[in-house]
Amino acid sequence: MGAYTMAISNIFGSNLIMVLVLFPADIFYRQGEIHKQVDSTAQLALLSGIVVTAICIIGLLMKKKPRILGMGLDSVVVLIVYLASVYGFYMLR
C-alpha cells in the first residue's frame, strides 16, 4: 500500500497508549507502585519501549539526519537499544 505514515502512526500510537495506560493503573492500584509488582522482564520491556519511542520521535524532529551505514543516526541508536534489550532479556531469563 505504501502507507508509511499510517504504519508509523500505528506503532507510535500503540506504544504511547500502553505507556499512558500505566498512569491510571498506578493511581488505582492500592498495594504500592504497580511497576514494582511485575517482573524484571516486563520492566525492561516497558523501559525499552519508552526509550525507542523517544528516540524515534527525536529522529522525526531532527532536520539534518546524519547517515551511518546507509541508516539515519536515530535508526542506528534504535538498533543499538534493541540489541541491548535483547541481551538484557537473555540475561534476565
PDB file of N, CA and C in Angstrom:
ATOM      1  N   MET A   1       0.825  -1.201   0.000  1.00  0.00           N
ATOM      2  CA  MET A   1       0.000   0.000   0.000  1.00  0.00           C
ATOM      3  C   MET A   1       0.863   1.256   0.000  1.00  0.00           C
ATOM      4  N   GLY A   2       2.017   1.215   0.632  1.00  0.00           N
ATOM      5  CA  GLY A   2       2.867   2.389   0.699  1.00  0.00           C
ATOM      6  C   GLY A   2       2.394   3.430   1.696  1.00  0.00           C
ATOM      7  N   ALA A   3       1.558   3.051   2.637  1.00  0.00           N
ATOM      8  CA  ALA A   3       1.033   3.995   3.634  1.00  0.00           C
ATOM      9  C   ALA A   3       1.973   4.027   4.846  1.00  0.00           C
ATOM     10  N   TYR A   4       3.148   4.626   4.634  1.00  0.00           N
ATOM     11  CA  TYR A   4       4.155   4.652   5.690  1.00  0.00           C
ATOM     12  C   TYR A   4       3.717   5.492   6.877  1.00  0.00           C
ATOM     13  N   THR A   5       3.043   6.589   6.614  1.00  0.00           N
ATOM     14  CA  THR A   5       2.585   7.452   7.697  1.00  0.00           C
ATOM     15  C   THR A   5       1.612   6.708   8.599  1.00  0.00           C
ATOM     16  N   MET A   6       0.723   5.934   8.002  1.00  0.00           N
ATOM     17  CA  MET A   6      -0.233   5.174   8.789  1.00  0.00           C
ATOM     18  C   MET A   6       0.479   4.107   9.623  1.00  0.00           C
ATOM     19  N   ALA A   7       1.494   3.466   9.065  1.00  0.00           N
ATOM     20  CA  ALA A   7       2.230   2.443   9.808  1.00  0.00           C
ATOM     21  C   ALA A   7       2.980   3.052  10.983  1.00  0.00           C
ATOM     22  N   ILE A   8       3.667   4.167  10.749  1.00  0.00           N
ATOM     23  CA  ILE A   8       4.408   4.840  11.814  1.00  0.00           C
ATOM     24  C   ILE A   8       3.447   5.329  12.888  1.00  0.00           C
ATOM     25  N   SER A   9       2.336   5.906  12.494  1.00  0.00           N
ATOM     26  CA  SER A   9       1.347   6.387  13.460  1.00  0.00           C
ATOM     27  C   SER A   9       0.803   5.248  14.304  1.00  0.00           C
ATOM     28  N   ASN A  10       0.587   4.100  13.698  1.00  0.00           N
ATOM     29  CA  ASN A  10       0.093   2.940  14.424  1.00  0.00           C
ATOM     30  C   ASN A  10       1.111   2.473  15.467  1.00  0.00           C
ATOM     31  N   ILE A  11       2.367   2.432  15.091  1.00  0.00           N
ATOM     32  CA  ILE A  11       3.413   1.999  16.027  1.00  0.00           C
ATOM     33  C   ILE A  11       3.531   2.966  17.189  1.00  0.00           C
ATOM     34  N   PHE A  12       3.638   4.271  16.883  1.00  0.00           N
ATOM     35  CA  PHE A  12       3.760   5.264  17.952  1.00  0.00           C
ATOM     36  C   PHE A  12       2.519   5.286  18.828  1.00  0.00           C
ATOM     37  N   GLY A  13       1.361   5.231  18.204  1.00  0.00           N
ATOM     38  CA  GLY A  13       0.115   5.252  18.968  1.00  0.00           C
ATOM     39  C   GLY A  13       0.004   4.073  19.913  1.00  0.00           C
ATOM     40  N   SER A  14       0.346   2.888  19.430  1.00  0.00           N
ATOM     41  CA  SER A  14       0.288   1.689  20.276  1.00  0.00           C
ATOM     42  C   SER A  14       1.252   1.804  21.449  1.00  0.00           C
ATOM     43  N   ASN A  15       2.477   2.246  21.179  1.00  0.00           N
ATOM     44  CA  ASN A  15       3.465   2.389  22.259  1.00  0.00           C
ATOM     45  C   ASN A  15       3.020   3.418  23.284  1.00  0.00           C
ATOM     46  N   LEU A  16       2.543   4.555  22.826  1.00  0.00           N
ATOM     47  CA  LEU A  16       2.163   5.618  23.754  1.00  0.00           C
ATOM     48  C   LEU A  16       0.919   5.259  24.558  1.00  0.00           C
ATOM     49  N   ILE A  17      -0.029   4.567  23.941  1.00  0.00           N
ATOM     50  CA  ILE A  17      -1.228   4.155  24.675  1.00  0.00           C
ATOM     51  C   ILE A  17      -0.860   3.179  25.781  1.00  0.00           C
ATOM     52  N   MET A  18       0.033   2.246  25.491  1.00  0.00           N
ATOM     53  CA  MET A  18       0.438   1.280  26.515  1.00  0.00           C
ATOM     54  C   MET A  18       1.132   1.974  27.689  1.00  0.00           C
ATOM     55  N   VAL A  19       1.931   2.980  27.406  1.00  0.00           N
ATOM     56  CA  VAL A  19       2.597   3.720  28.477  1.00  0.00           C
ATOM     57  C   VAL A  19       1.577   4.547  29.255  1.00  0.00           C
ATOM     58  N   LEU A  20       0.645   5.182  28.554  1.00  0.00           N
ATOM     59  CA  LEU A  20      -0.348   6.017  29.221  1.00  0.00           C
ATOM     60  C   LEU A  20      -1.343   5.201  30.052  1.00  0.00           C
ATOM     61  N   VAL A  21      -1.557   3.960  29.699  1.00  0.00           N
ATOM     62  CA  VAL A  21      -2.461   3.110  30.473  1.00  0.00           C
ATOM     63  C   VAL A  21      -1.877   2.832  31.860  1.00  0.00           C
ATOM     64  N   LEU A  22      -0.565   2.850  31.968  1.00  0.00           N
ATOM     65  CA  LEU A  22       0.070   2.589  33.258  1.00  0.00           C
ATOM     66  C   LEU A  22      -0.204   3.690  34.278  1.00  0.00           C
ATOM     67  N   PHE A  23      -0.370   4.920  33.830  1.00  0.00           N
ATOM     68  CA  PHE A  23      -0.591   6.029  34.763  1.00  0.00           C
ATOM     69  C   PHE A  23      -1.870   5.847  35.576  1.00  0.00           C
ATOM     70  N   PRO A  24      -3.047   5.678  34.956  1.00  0.00           N
ATOM     71  CA  PRO A  24      -4.243   5.461  35.787  1.00  0.00           C
ATOM     72  C   PRO A  24      -4.202   4.129  36.535  1.00  0.00           C
ATOM     73  N   ALA A  25      -3.560   3.127  35.948  1.00  0.00           N
ATOM     74  CA  ALA A  25      -3.462   1.848  36.652  1.00  0.00           C
ATOM     75  C   ALA A  25      -2.645   2.005  37.929  1.00  0.00           C
ATOM     76  N   ASP A  26      -1.588   2.799  37.871  1.00  0.00           N
ATOM     77  CA  ASP A  26      -0.755   3.035  39.051  1.00  0.00           C
ATOM     78  C   ASP A  26      -1.507   3.842  40.104  1.00  0.00           C
ATOM     79  N   ILE A  27      -2.360   4.756  39.664  1.00  0.00           N
ATOM     80  CA  ILE A  27      -3.146   5.555  40.603  1.00  0.00           C
ATOM     81  C   ILE A  27      -4.145   4.680  41.369  1.00  0.00           C
ATOM     82  N   PHE A  28      -4.810   3.772  40.659  1.00  0.00           N
ATOM     83  CA  PHE A  28      -5.861   2.968  41.281  1.00  0.00           C
ATOM     84  C   PHE A  28      -5.351   1.699  41.958  1.00  0.00           C
ATOM     85  N   TYR A  29      -4.128   1.327  41.735  1.00  0.00           N
ATOM     86  CA  TYR A  29      -3.559   0.130  42.376  1.00  0.00           C
ATOM     87  C   TYR A  29      -3.138   0.496  43.793  1.00  0.00           C
ATOM     88  N   ARG A  30      -3.732  -0.123  44.791  1.00  0.00           N
ATOM     89  CA  ARG A  30      -3.560   0.283  46.184  1.00  0.00           C
ATOM     90  C   ARG A  30      -2.472  -0.481  46.945  1.00  0.00           C
ATOM     91  N   GLN A  31      -1.857  -1.490  46.346  1.00  0.00           N
ATOM     92  CA  GLN A  31      -0.833  -2.251  47.053  1.00  0.00           C
ATOM     93  C   GLN A  31       0.580  -1.683  46.833  1.00  0.00           C
ATOM     94  N   GLY A  32       0.690  -0.451  46.429  1.00  0.00           N
ATOM     95  CA  GLY A  32       2.000   0.160  46.184  1.00  0.00           C
ATOM     96  C   GLY A  32       2.158   0.543  44.723  1.00  0.00           C
ATOM     97  N   GLU A  33       3.397   0.698  44.320  1.00  0.00           N
ATOM     98  CA  GLU A  33       3.677   1.058  42.926  1.00  0.00           C
ATOM     99  C   GLU A  33       3.483  -0.165  42.038  1.00  0.00           C
ATOM    100  N   ILE A  34       2.729   0.011  40.963  1.00  0.00           N
ATOM    101  CA  ILE A  34       2.371  -1.133  40.123  1.00  0.00           C
ATOM    102  C   ILE A  34       3.588  -1.689  39.385  1.00  0.00           C
ATOM    103  N   HIS A  35       4.517  -0.826  39.014  1.00  0.00           N
ATOM    104  CA  HIS A  35       5.666  -1.334  38.265  1.00  0.00           C
ATOM    105  C   HIS A  35       6.626  -2.135  39.150  1.00  0.00           C
ATOM    106  N   LYS A  36       6.479  -2.014  40.462  1.00  0.00           N
ATOM    107  CA  LYS A  36       7.293  -2.825  41.373  1.00  0.00           C
ATOM    108  C   LYS A  36       6.708  -4.235  41.535  1.00  0.00           C
ATOM    109  N   GLN A  37       5.469  -4.443  41.097  1.00  0.00           N
ATOM    110  CA  GLN A  37       4.797  -5.729  41.257  1.00  0.00           C
ATOM    111  C   GLN A  37       5.041  -6.672  40.081  1.00  0.00           C
ATOM    112  N   VAL A  38       5.589  -6.161  38.990  1.00  0.00           N
ATOM    113  CA  VAL A  38       5.832  -7.002  37.817  1.00  0.00           C
ATOM    114  C   VAL A  38       7.284  -7.465  37.821  1.00  0.00           C
ATOM    115  N   ASP A  39       7.569  -8.468  37.015  1.00  0.00           N
ATOM    116  CA  ASP A  39       8.930  -8.989  36.999  1.00  0.00           C
ATOM    117  C   ASP A  39       9.865  -8.080  36.199  1.00  0.00           C
ATOM    118  N   SER A  40      11.137  -8.382  36.281  1.00  0.00           N
ATOM    119  CA  SER A  40      12.167  -7.551  35.644  1.00  0.00           C
ATOM    120  C   SER A  40      12.029  -7.518  34.127  1.00  0.00           C
ATOM    121  N   THR A  41      11.550  -8.604  33.549  1.00  0.00           N
ATOM    122  CA  THR A  41      11.394  -8.647  32.092  1.00  0.00           C
ATOM    123  C   THR A  41      10.358  -7.627  31.629  1.00  0.00           C
ATOM    124  N   ALA A  42       9.250  -7.529  32.323  1.00  0.00           N
ATOM    125  CA  ALA A  42       8.215  -6.551  31.961  1.00  0.00           C
ATOM    126  C   ALA A  42       8.718  -5.129  32.167  1.00  0.00           C
ATOM    127  N   GLN A  43       9.495  -4.906  33.218  1.00  0.00           N
ATOM    128  CA  GLN A  43      10.061  -3.577  33.443  1.00  0.00           C
ATOM    129  C   GLN A  43      11.030  -3.199  32.338  1.00  0.00           C
ATOM    130  N   LEU A  44      11.862  -4.151  31.896  1.00  0.00           N
ATOM    131  CA  LEU A  44      12.791  -3.884  30.802  1.00  0.00           C
ATOM    132  C   LEU A  44      12.043  -3.630  29.498  1.00  0.00           C
ATOM    133  N   ALA A  45      10.973  -4.374  29.261  1.00  0.00           N
ATOM    134  CA  ALA A  45      10.175  -4.172  28.046  1.00  0.00           C
ATOM    135  C   ALA A  45       9.554  -2.777  28.036  1.00  0.00           C
ATOM    136  N   LEU A  46       9.039  -2.343  29.176  1.00  0.00           N
ATOM    137  CA  LEU A  46       8.451  -1.011  29.271  1.00  0.00           C
ATOM    138  C   LEU A  46       9.510   0.063  29.056  1.00  0.00           C
ATOM    139  N   LEU A  47      10.633  -0.083  29.713  1.00  0.00           N
ATOM    140  CA  LEU A  47      11.700   0.895  29.582  1.00  0.00           C
ATOM    141  C   LEU A  47      12.227   0.973  28.155  1.00  0.00           C
ATOM    142  N   SER A  48      12.471  -0.165  27.528  1.00  0.00           N
ATOM    143  CA  SER A  48      12.983  -0.142  26.158  1.00  0.00           C
ATOM    144  C   SER A  48      11.945   0.417  25.190  1.00  0.00           C
ATOM    145  N   GLY A  49      10.672   0.152  25.427  1.00  0.00           N
ATOM    146  CA  GLY A  49       9.626   0.733  24.575  1.00  0.00           C
ATOM    147  C   GLY A  49       9.580   2.247  24.671  1.00  0.00           C
ATOM    148  N   ILE A  50       9.719   2.760  25.890  1.00  0.00           N
ATOM    149  CA  ILE A  50       9.728   4.212  26.085  1.00  0.00           C
ATOM    150  C   ILE A  50      10.947   4.832  25.416  1.00  0.00           C
ATOM    151  N   VAL A  51      12.115   4.217  25.612  1.00  0.00           N
ATOM    152  CA  VAL A  51      13.355   4.758  25.044  1.00  0.00           C
ATOM    153  C   VAL A  51      13.320   4.737  23.517  1.00  0.00           C
ATOM    154  N   VAL A  52      12.894   3.624  22.940  1.00  0.00           N
ATOM    155  CA  VAL A  52      12.840   3.522  21.477  1.00  0.00           C
ATOM    156  C   VAL A  52      11.844   4.518  20.894  1.00  0.00           C
ATOM    157  N   THR A  53      10.685   4.671  21.524  1.00  0.00           N
ATOM    158  CA  THR A  53       9.701   5.643  21.044  1.00  0.00           C
ATOM    159  C   THR A  53      10.255   7.058  21.119  1.00  0.00           C
ATOM    160  N   ALA A  54      10.936   7.394  22.217  1.00  0.00           N
ATOM    161  CA  ALA A  54      11.528   8.729  22.360  1.00  0.00           C
ATOM    162  C   ALA A  54      12.592   8.971  21.299  1.00  0.00           C
ATOM    163  N   ILE A  55      13.426   7.983  21.036  1.00  0.00           N
ATOM    164  CA  ILE A  55      14.465   8.132  20.013  1.00  0.00           C
ATOM    165  C   ILE A  55      13.838   8.342  18.643  1.00  0.00           C
ATOM    166  N   CYS A  56      12.799   7.586  18.339  1.00  0.00           N
ATOM    167  CA  CYS A  56      12.136   7.738  17.032  1.00  0.00           C
ATOM    168  C   CYS A  56      11.493   9.115  16.885  1.00  0.00           C
ATOM    169  N   ILE A  57      10.873   9.610  17.943  1.00  0.00           N
ATOM    170  CA  ILE A  57      10.254  10.942  17.876  1.00  0.00           C
ATOM    171  C   ILE A  57      11.327  12.011  17.697  1.00  0.00           C
ATOM    172  N   ILE A  58      12.431  11.901  18.422  1.00  0.00           N
ATOM    173  CA  ILE A  58      13.532  12.846  18.245  1.00  0.00           C
ATOM    174  C   ILE A  58      14.069  12.762  16.829  1.00  0.00           C
ATOM    175  N   GLY A  59      14.183  11.550  16.290  1.00  0.00           N
ATOM    176  CA  GLY A  59      14.633  11.376  14.910  1.00  0.00           C
ATOM    177  C   GLY A  59      13.703  12.030  13.905  1.00  0.00           C
ATOM    178  N   LEU A  60      12.403  11.988  14.172  1.00  0.00           N
ATOM    179  CA  LEU A  60      11.454  12.649  13.270  1.00  0.00           C
ATOM    180  C   LEU A  60      11.573  14.170  13.344  1.00  0.00           C
ATOM    181  N   LEU A  61      11.964  14.686  14.501  1.00  0.00           N
ATOM    182  CA  LEU A  61      12.063  16.132  14.671  1.00  0.00           C
ATOM    183  C   LEU A  61      13.389  16.708  14.183  1.00  0.00           C
ATOM    184  N   MET A  62      14.389  15.855  13.984  1.00  0.00           N
ATOM    185  CA  MET A  62      15.695  16.330  13.513  1.00  0.00           C
ATOM    186  C   MET A  62      15.588  16.789  12.067  1.00  0.00           C
ATOM    187  N   LYS A  63      16.149  17.958  11.790  1.00  0.00           N
ATOM    188  CA  LYS A  63      16.110  18.466  10.422  1.00  0.00           C
ATOM    189  C   LYS A  63      17.204  17.828   9.581  1.00  0.00           C
ATOM    190  N   LYS A  64      18.429  17.821  10.084  1.00  0.00           N
ATOM    191  CA  LYS A  64      19.530  17.208   9.357  1.00  0.00           C
ATOM    192  C   LYS A  64      19.770  15.832   9.951  1.00  0.00           C
ATOM    193  N   LYS A  65      19.645  14.814   9.132  1.00  0.00           N
ATOM    194  CA  LYS A  65      19.797  13.454   9.611  1.00  0.00           C
ATOM    195  C   LYS A  65      21.121  12.879   9.111  1.00  0.00           C
ATOM    196  N   PRO A  66      22.125  12.783  10.003  1.00  0.00           N
ATOM    197  CA  PRO A  66      23.388  12.166   9.585  1.00  0.00           C
ATOM    198  C   PRO A  66      23.186  10.688   9.257  1.00  0.00           C
ATOM    199  N   ARG A  67      23.945  10.183   8.305  1.00  0.00           N
ATOM    200  CA  ARG A  67      23.804   8.801   7.859  1.00  0.00           C
ATOM    201  C   ARG A  67      24.995   7.977   8.342  1.00  0.00           C
ATOM    202  N   ILE A  68      24.699   6.792   8.829  1.00  0.00           N
ATOM    203  CA  ILE A  68      25.718   5.837   9.224  1.00  0.00           C
ATOM    204  C   ILE A  68      25.330   4.497   8.625  1.00  0.00           C
ATOM    205  N   LEU A  69      26.211   3.968   7.780  1.00  0.00           N
ATOM    206  CA  LEU A  69      25.944   2.685   7.108  1.00  0.00           C
ATOM    207  C   LEU A  69      24.624   2.695   6.346  1.00  0.00           C
ATOM    208  N   GLY A  70      24.290   3.823   5.753  1.00  0.00           N
ATOM    209  CA  GLY A  70      23.067   3.944   4.977  1.00  0.00           C
ATOM    210  C   GLY A  70      21.809   4.146   5.803  1.00  0.00           C
ATOM    211  N   MET A  71      21.956   4.245   7.122  1.00  0.00           N
ATOM    212  CA  MET A  71      20.805   4.457   8.003  1.00  0.00           C
ATOM    213  C   MET A  71      20.956   5.801   8.696  1.00  0.00           C
ATOM    214  N   GLY A  72      19.836   6.356   9.103  1.00  0.00           N
ATOM    215  CA  GLY A  72      19.875   7.573   9.887  1.00  0.00           C
ATOM    216  C   GLY A  72      20.437   7.290  11.271  1.00  0.00           C
ATOM    217  N   LEU A  73      20.964   8.319  11.918  1.00  0.00           N
ATOM    218  CA  LEU A  73      21.534   8.169  13.247  1.00  0.00           C
ATOM    219  C   LEU A  73      20.503   7.621  14.232  1.00  0.00           C
ATOM    220  N   ASP A  74      19.253   8.082  14.111  1.00  0.00           N
ATOM    221  CA  ASP A  74      18.211   7.594  15.002  1.00  0.00           C
ATOM    222  C   ASP A  74      17.971   6.098  14.820  1.00  0.00           C
ATOM    223  N   SER A  75      18.043   5.620  13.593  1.00  0.00           N
ATOM    224  CA  SER A  75      17.854   4.188  13.334  1.00  0.00           C
ATOM    225  C   SER A  75      18.980   3.363  13.925  1.00  0.00           C
ATOM    226  N   VAL A  76      20.204   3.888  13.852  1.00  0.00           N
ATOM    227  CA  VAL A  76      21.342   3.183  14.437  1.00  0.00           C
ATOM    228  C   VAL A  76      21.185   3.098  15.955  1.00  0.00           C
ATOM    229  N   VAL A  77      20.760   4.196  16.588  1.00  0.00           N
ATOM    230  CA  VAL A  77      20.583   4.200  18.039  1.00  0.00           C
ATOM    231  C   VAL A  77      19.441   3.260  18.439  1.00  0.00           C
ATOM    232  N   VAL A  78      18.359   3.239  17.680  1.00  0.00           N
ATOM    233  CA  VAL A  78      17.253   2.309  17.957  1.00  0.00           C
ATOM    234  C   VAL A  78      17.745   0.865  17.846  1.00  0.00           C
ATOM    235  N   LEU A  79      18.555   0.574  16.837  1.00  0.00           N
ATOM    236  CA  LEU A  79      19.091  -0.776  16.675  1.00  0.00           C
ATOM    237  C   LEU A  79      19.974  -1.165  17.866  1.00  0.00           C
ATOM    238  N   ILE A  80      20.792  -0.230  18.338  1.00  0.00           N
ATOM    239  CA  ILE A  80      21.645  -0.496  19.499  1.00  0.00           C
ATOM    240  C   ILE A  80      20.802  -0.743  20.748  1.00  0.00           C
ATOM    241  N   VAL A  81      19.777   0.081  20.960  1.00  0.00           N
ATOM    242  CA  VAL A  81      18.899  -0.100  22.120  1.00  0.00           C
ATOM    243  C   VAL A  81      18.163  -1.432  22.019  1.00  0.00           C
ATOM    244  N   TYR A  82      17.718  -1.783  20.831  1.00  0.00           N
ATOM    245  CA  TYR A  82      17.036  -3.064  20.625  1.00  0.00           C
ATOM    246  C   TYR A  82      17.951  -4.232  20.961  1.00  0.00           C
ATOM    247  N   LEU A  83      19.176  -4.199  20.434  1.00  0.00           N
ATOM    248  CA  LEU A  83      20.115  -5.292  20.706  1.00  0.00           C
ATOM    249  C   LEU A  83      20.470  -5.364  22.194  1.00  0.00           C
ATOM    250  N   ALA A  84      20.621  -4.210  22.834  1.00  0.00           N
ATOM    251  CA  ALA A  84      20.886  -4.187  24.277  1.00  0.00           C
ATOM    252  C   ALA A  84      19.694  -4.762  25.047  1.00  0.00           C
ATOM    253  N   SER A  85      18.482  -4.472  24.589  1.00  0.00           N
ATOM    254  CA  SER A  85      17.290  -5.016  25.241  1.00  0.00           C
ATOM    255  C   SER A  85      17.209  -6.534  25.081  1.00  0.00           C
ATOM    256  N   VAL A  86      17.517  -7.024  23.894  1.00  0.00           N
ATOM    257  CA  VAL A  86      17.503  -8.467  23.665  1.00  0.00           C
ATOM    258  C   VAL A  86      18.539  -9.141  24.568  1.00  0.00           C
ATOM    259  N   TYR A  87      19.720  -8.529  24.681  1.00  0.00           N
ATOM    260  CA  TYR A  87      20.737  -9.062  25.587  1.00  0.00           C
ATOM    261  C   TYR A  87      20.237  -9.021  27.033  1.00  0.00           C
ATOM    262  N   GLY A  88      19.576  -7.927  27.403  1.00  0.00           N
ATOM    263  CA  GLY A  88      19.014  -7.833  28.747  1.00  0.00           C
ATOM    264  C   GLY A  88      17.970  -8.901  29.019  1.00  0.00           C
ATOM    265  N   PHE A  89      17.106  -9.159  28.030  1.00  0.00           N
ATOM    266  CA  PHE A  89      16.106 -10.232  28.182  1.00  0.00           C
ATOM    267  C   PHE A  89      16.792 -11.576  28.364  1.00  0.00           C
ATOM    268  N   TYR A  90      17.862 -11.805  27.603  1.00  0.00           N
ATOM    269  CA  TYR A  90      18.606 -13.060  27.712  1.00  0.00           C
ATOM    270  C   TYR A  90      19.199 -13.211  29.111  1.00  0.00           C
ATOM    271  N   MET A  91      19.750 -12.128  29.643  1.00  0.00           N
ATOM    272  CA  MET A  91      20.368 -12.179  30.953  1.00  0.00           C
ATOM    273  C   MET A  91      19.331 -12.333  32.072  1.00  0.00           C
ATOM    274  N   LEU A  92      18.113 -11.855  31.862  1.00  0.00           N
ATOM    275  CA  LEU A  92      17.060 -11.929  32.882  1.00  0.00           C
ATOM    276  C   LEU A  92      16.316 -13.262  32.885  1.00  0.00           C
ATOM    277  N   ARG A  93      16.538 -14.072  31.879  1.00  0.00           N
ATOM    278  CA  ARG A  93      15.766 -15.331  31.789  1.00  0.00           C
ATOM    279  C   ARG A  93      16.041 -16.270  32.905  1.00  0.00           C
TER     280      ARG A  93
END
